Amino acid sequence: MRTMIHGSGAAAAANARGEILMKKDELRKTVERGIGGVPEIKASEKKKWLGEFRERVILGLTVKQCSSECSLHYVREALKDAMAEKLIVNNGMSINTISKFMKLADEMEKNFISRPAQCDNAMGVVISSSVAVDRGNVDLEFGELPIKFIKLEKGKLCNDCFLELEKIKVKHARNFGRITLLDKILGTKCVACAKENSYKFE
């Protein structure tokens, strides 16, 4: 004889089946964690930032950017940040490139860490803190421009600097004027030369 369940009895049976399914799902997740480990939070993000959470990053340079002469300047500036604690390098870069950052970390008395790249878009260098700093733009964008021209938007250039910039980036050169004889008399300085000289005395 089939037993018919009505009213509260049917609801209780449905709840019981639901609890059994939930327990099975929890058991499955427990087994999966036991086999593969607990899923890491923001794993792909940490791979890009050499093991660091994005919110802890102060500056990141790509592998290509790290080979540029001006990369040391930007890393040095980032290490001056009060929250900067670690200089992490991608150990897939050349020994010469890694060495220059290691020396800088020692000079600035910051922790130096070398880590392997775990993805194709892994950064070359990461400056980070041990806590969240939530900096807006940590992906520094610079090309092959000499450091004296980077982040300069306008101003007066000496003839040599103007011609140098014009050869590299014609459109950008149009934002600048050449220093005239009158400018020299009035004491106008080349903005690129002034910037370059400031780095020499850091």
Protein backbone atom coordinates (compact mmCIF):
# COMPACT_ATOMS: atom_id res chain seq x y z
CA MET A 1 0.00 0.00 0.00
CA ARG A 2 1.32 3.43 -0.97
CA THR A 3 1.37 5.96 1.79
CA MET A 4 0.08 9.39 0.74
CA ILE A 5 1.67 12.37 2.47
CA HIS A 6 -0.53 15.44 2.76
CA GLY A 7 -0.12 18.98 4.12
CA SER A 8 2.68 19.51 6.62
CA GLY A 9 3.93 15.97 6.04
CA ALA A 10 4.69 16.74 2.37
CA ALA A 11 6.48 19.96 3.30
CA ALA A 12 8.59 18.14 5.86
CA ALA A 13 9.57 15.52 3.29
CA ALA A 14 10.54 18.23 0.79
CA ASN A 15 12.66 19.97 3.41
CA ALA A 16 14.36 16.70 4.27
CA ARG A 17 15.21 16.06 0.61
CA GLY A 18 16.56 19.63 0.33
CA GLU A 19 18.79 19.14 3.37
CA ILE A 20 20.14 15.87 1.95
CA LEU A 21 20.99 17.58 -1.37
CA MET A 22 22.72 20.45 0.47
CA LYS A 23 24.76 18.00 2.53
CA LYS A 24 25.78 16.13 -0.62
CA ASP A 25 26.85 19.40 -2.24
CA GLU A 26 28.87 20.38 0.84
CA LEU A 27 30.48 16.93 0.88
CA ARG A 28 31.40 17.28 -2.81
CA LYS A 29 33.01 20.69 -2.20
CA THR A 30 34.92 19.32 0.79
CA VAL A 31 36.28 16.45 -1.30
CA GLU A 32 37.26 18.85 -4.11
CA ARG A 33 39.09 21.10 -1.66
CA GLY A 34 40.87 18.11 -0.23
CA ILE A 35 42.06 17.06 -3.69
CA GLY A 36 42.90 20.42 -5.24
CA GLY A 37 43.20 22.71 -2.25
CA VAL A 38 41.08 25.74 -1.36
CA PRO A 39 40.49 27.95 -4.44
CA GLU A 40 42.78 30.99 -4.16
CA ILE A 41 41.12 34.40 -4.05
CA LYS A 42 41.84 36.53 -7.15
CA ALA A 43 44.34 33.97 -8.46
CA SER A 44 44.64 35.45 -11.97
CA GLU A 45 45.09 38.94 -10.55
CA LYS A 46 47.89 37.78 -8.27
CA LYS A 47 49.63 36.01 -11.14
CA LYS A 48 49.81 39.26 -13.09
CA TRP A 49 51.12 41.23 -10.11
CA LEU A 50 53.81 38.69 -9.18
CA GLY A 51 51.91 37.23 -6.24
CA GLU A 52 50.45 40.49 -4.91
CA PHE A 53 46.86 41.70 -4.69
CA ARG A 54 46.16 44.63 -7.02
CA GLU A 55 44.99 46.83 -4.15
CA ARG A 56 48.42 46.54 -2.52
CA VAL A 57 50.34 47.60 -5.62
CA ILE A 58 51.93 51.05 -5.81
CA LEU A 59 53.62 50.66 -9.19
CA GLY A 60 53.93 48.02 -11.86
CA LEU A 61 56.24 47.93 -14.89
CA THR A 62 56.04 45.47 -17.74
CA VAL A 63 59.02 43.31 -18.68
CA LYS A 64 59.61 45.51 -21.73
CA GLN A 65 59.50 48.70 -19.68
CA CYS A 66 62.07 47.30 -17.26
CA SER A 67 64.68 47.25 -20.01
CA SER A 68 64.28 51.00 -20.54
CA GLU A 69 66.86 53.36 -19.05
CA CYS A 70 64.16 55.43 -17.36
CA SER A 71 62.63 52.48 -15.48
CA LEU A 72 65.01 52.95 -12.54
CA HIS A 73 63.83 56.51 -12.06
CA TYR A 74 60.18 55.51 -11.81
CA VAL A 75 60.90 52.60 -9.49
CA ARG A 76 63.02 54.85 -7.29
CA GLU A 77 60.19 57.38 -7.07
CA ALA A 78 57.70 54.62 -6.18
CA LEU A 79 60.00 53.31 -3.44
CA LYS A 80 59.98 56.77 -1.84
CA ASP A 81 56.27 56.24 -1.15
CA ALA A 82 55.71 55.84 2.59
CA MET A 83 53.64 52.70 1.97
CA ALA A 84 56.20 50.99 -0.29
CA GLU A 85 57.68 47.91 1.39
CA LYS A 86 58.63 45.41 -1.32
CA LEU A 87 60.34 45.48 -4.70
CA ILE A 88 59.35 42.29 -6.51
CA VAL A 89 60.97 41.28 -9.80
CA ASN A 90 60.04 38.74 -12.44
CA ASN A 91 62.95 36.28 -12.36
CA GLY A 92 62.46 35.54 -16.04
CA MET A 93 64.18 38.81 -16.92
CA SER A 94 67.89 39.10 -17.69
CA ILE A 95 70.44 38.99 -14.88
CA ASN A 96 71.55 42.54 -15.69
CA THR A 97 68.00 43.87 -15.44
CA ILE A 98 67.32 42.04 -12.18
CA SER A 99 70.64 43.20 -10.71
CA LYS A 100 69.93 46.88 -11.22
CA PHE A 101 66.65 46.60 -9.32
CA MET A 102 68.25 44.51 -6.59
CA LYS A 103 70.88 47.22 -6.06
CA LEU A 104 68.18 49.87 -5.95
CA ALA A 105 66.16 47.95 -3.35
CA ASP A 106 69.29 47.64 -1.21
CA GLU A 107 70.04 51.33 -1.63
CA MET A 108 66.48 52.30 -0.66
CA GLU A 109 66.44 49.74 2.18
CA LYS A 110 63.40 47.89 0.86
CA ASN A 111 62.67 44.16 0.74
CA PHE A 112 63.78 42.57 -2.53
CA ILE A 113 61.89 39.51 -3.78
CA SER A 114 62.41 37.49 -6.96
CA ARG A 115 59.45 35.44 -8.20
CA PRO A 116 58.75 33.32 -11.29
CA ALA A 117 56.18 34.45 -13.83
CA GLN A 118 53.01 32.35 -13.70
CA CYS A 119 51.26 33.86 -16.71
CA ASP A 120 52.10 35.51 -20.03
CA ASN A 121 51.11 39.00 -18.86
CA ALA A 122 53.06 38.91 -15.58
CA MET A 123 54.67 42.23 -14.72
CA GLY A 124 58.42 42.76 -14.74
CA VAL A 125 58.59 44.76 -11.51
CA VAL A 126 56.01 45.39 -8.81
CA ILE A 127 56.32 47.80 -5.89
CA SER A 128 53.85 46.86 -3.18
CA SER A 129 52.74 47.31 0.40
CA SER A 130 51.64 44.68 2.90
CA VAL A 131 48.25 46.38 3.20
CA ALA A 132 45.72 47.75 0.72
CA VAL A 133 46.63 51.18 -0.66
CA ASP A 134 44.14 51.27 -3.56
CA ARG A 135 46.19 53.50 -5.85
CA GLY A 136 44.38 54.50 -9.01
CA ASN A 137 46.83 54.21 -11.90
CA VAL A 138 49.61 51.74 -11.12
CA ASP A 139 50.27 50.70 -14.73
CA LEU A 140 52.86 53.24 -15.77
CA GLU A 141 52.73 54.07 -19.45
CA PHE A 142 55.91 55.19 -21.17
CA GLY A 143 57.45 54.30 -24.47
CA GLU A 144 60.91 54.70 -25.88
CA LEU A 145 61.07 58.43 -25.20
CA PRO A 146 64.17 59.57 -23.29
CA ILE A 147 63.32 60.21 -19.65
CA LYS A 148 63.68 63.99 -20.01
CA PHE A 149 60.63 64.07 -22.32
CA ILE A 150 58.35 61.77 -20.36
CA LYS A 151 55.29 63.50 -18.86
CA LEU A 152 56.25 66.83 -20.44
CA GLU A 153 53.19 68.25 -22.20
CA LYS A 154 54.28 71.74 -23.22
CA GLY A 155 56.93 74.42 -22.76
CA LYS A 156 60.01 75.73 -24.50
CA LEU A 157 62.81 73.46 -25.75
CA CYS A 158 66.34 74.25 -26.80
CA ASN A 159 67.07 73.58 -30.47
CA ASP A 160 68.86 70.27 -29.76
CA CYS A 161 66.03 68.88 -27.61
CA PHE A 162 63.38 70.04 -30.06
CA LEU A 163 65.08 68.30 -32.98
CA GLU A 164 65.63 65.15 -30.86
CA LEU A 165 61.96 64.99 -29.89
CA GLU A 166 60.83 65.76 -33.42
CA LYS A 167 62.74 62.74 -34.75
CA ILE A 168 61.13 60.44 -32.20
CA LYS A 169 57.60 61.80 -31.94
CA VAL A 170 56.70 64.53 -34.44
CA LYS A 171 53.14 65.15 -33.19
CA HIS A 172 54.31 65.50 -29.58
CA ALA A 173 57.00 67.99 -30.63
CA ARG A 174 54.30 70.29 -31.98
CA ASN A 175 53.15 70.98 -28.42
CA PHE A 176 56.46 72.70 -27.69
CA GLY A 177 58.11 75.89 -28.85
CA ARG A 178 61.77 76.53 -29.57
CA ILE A 179 63.70 78.87 -27.34
CA THR A 180 64.41 82.09 -29.20
CA LEU A 181 67.18 84.66 -28.65
CA LEU A 182 64.71 86.81 -26.73
CA ASP A 183 63.79 83.81 -24.55
CA LYS A 184 67.47 83.32 -23.73
CA ILE A 185 67.83 87.00 -22.79
CA LEU A 186 64.79 86.70 -20.53
CA GLY A 187 66.28 83.60 -18.90
CA THR A 188 63.87 81.01 -20.29
CA LYS A 189 65.20 77.49 -19.75
CA CYS A 190 64.66 74.34 -21.79
CA VAL A 191 62.09 72.28 -19.85
CA ALA A 192 63.66 68.98 -20.99
CA CYS A 193 67.22 69.97 -20.04
CA ALA A 194 66.00 71.23 -16.67
CA LYS A 195 64.24 67.92 -16.01
CA GLU A 196 67.27 65.89 -17.07
CA ASN A 197 69.58 67.89 -14.79
CA SER A 198 67.24 67.39 -11.83
CA TYR A 199 67.65 63.60 -12.16
CA LYS A 200 71.44 63.86 -12.14
CA PHE A 201 71.38 65.37 -8.67
CA GLU A 202 68.92 62.94 -7.06
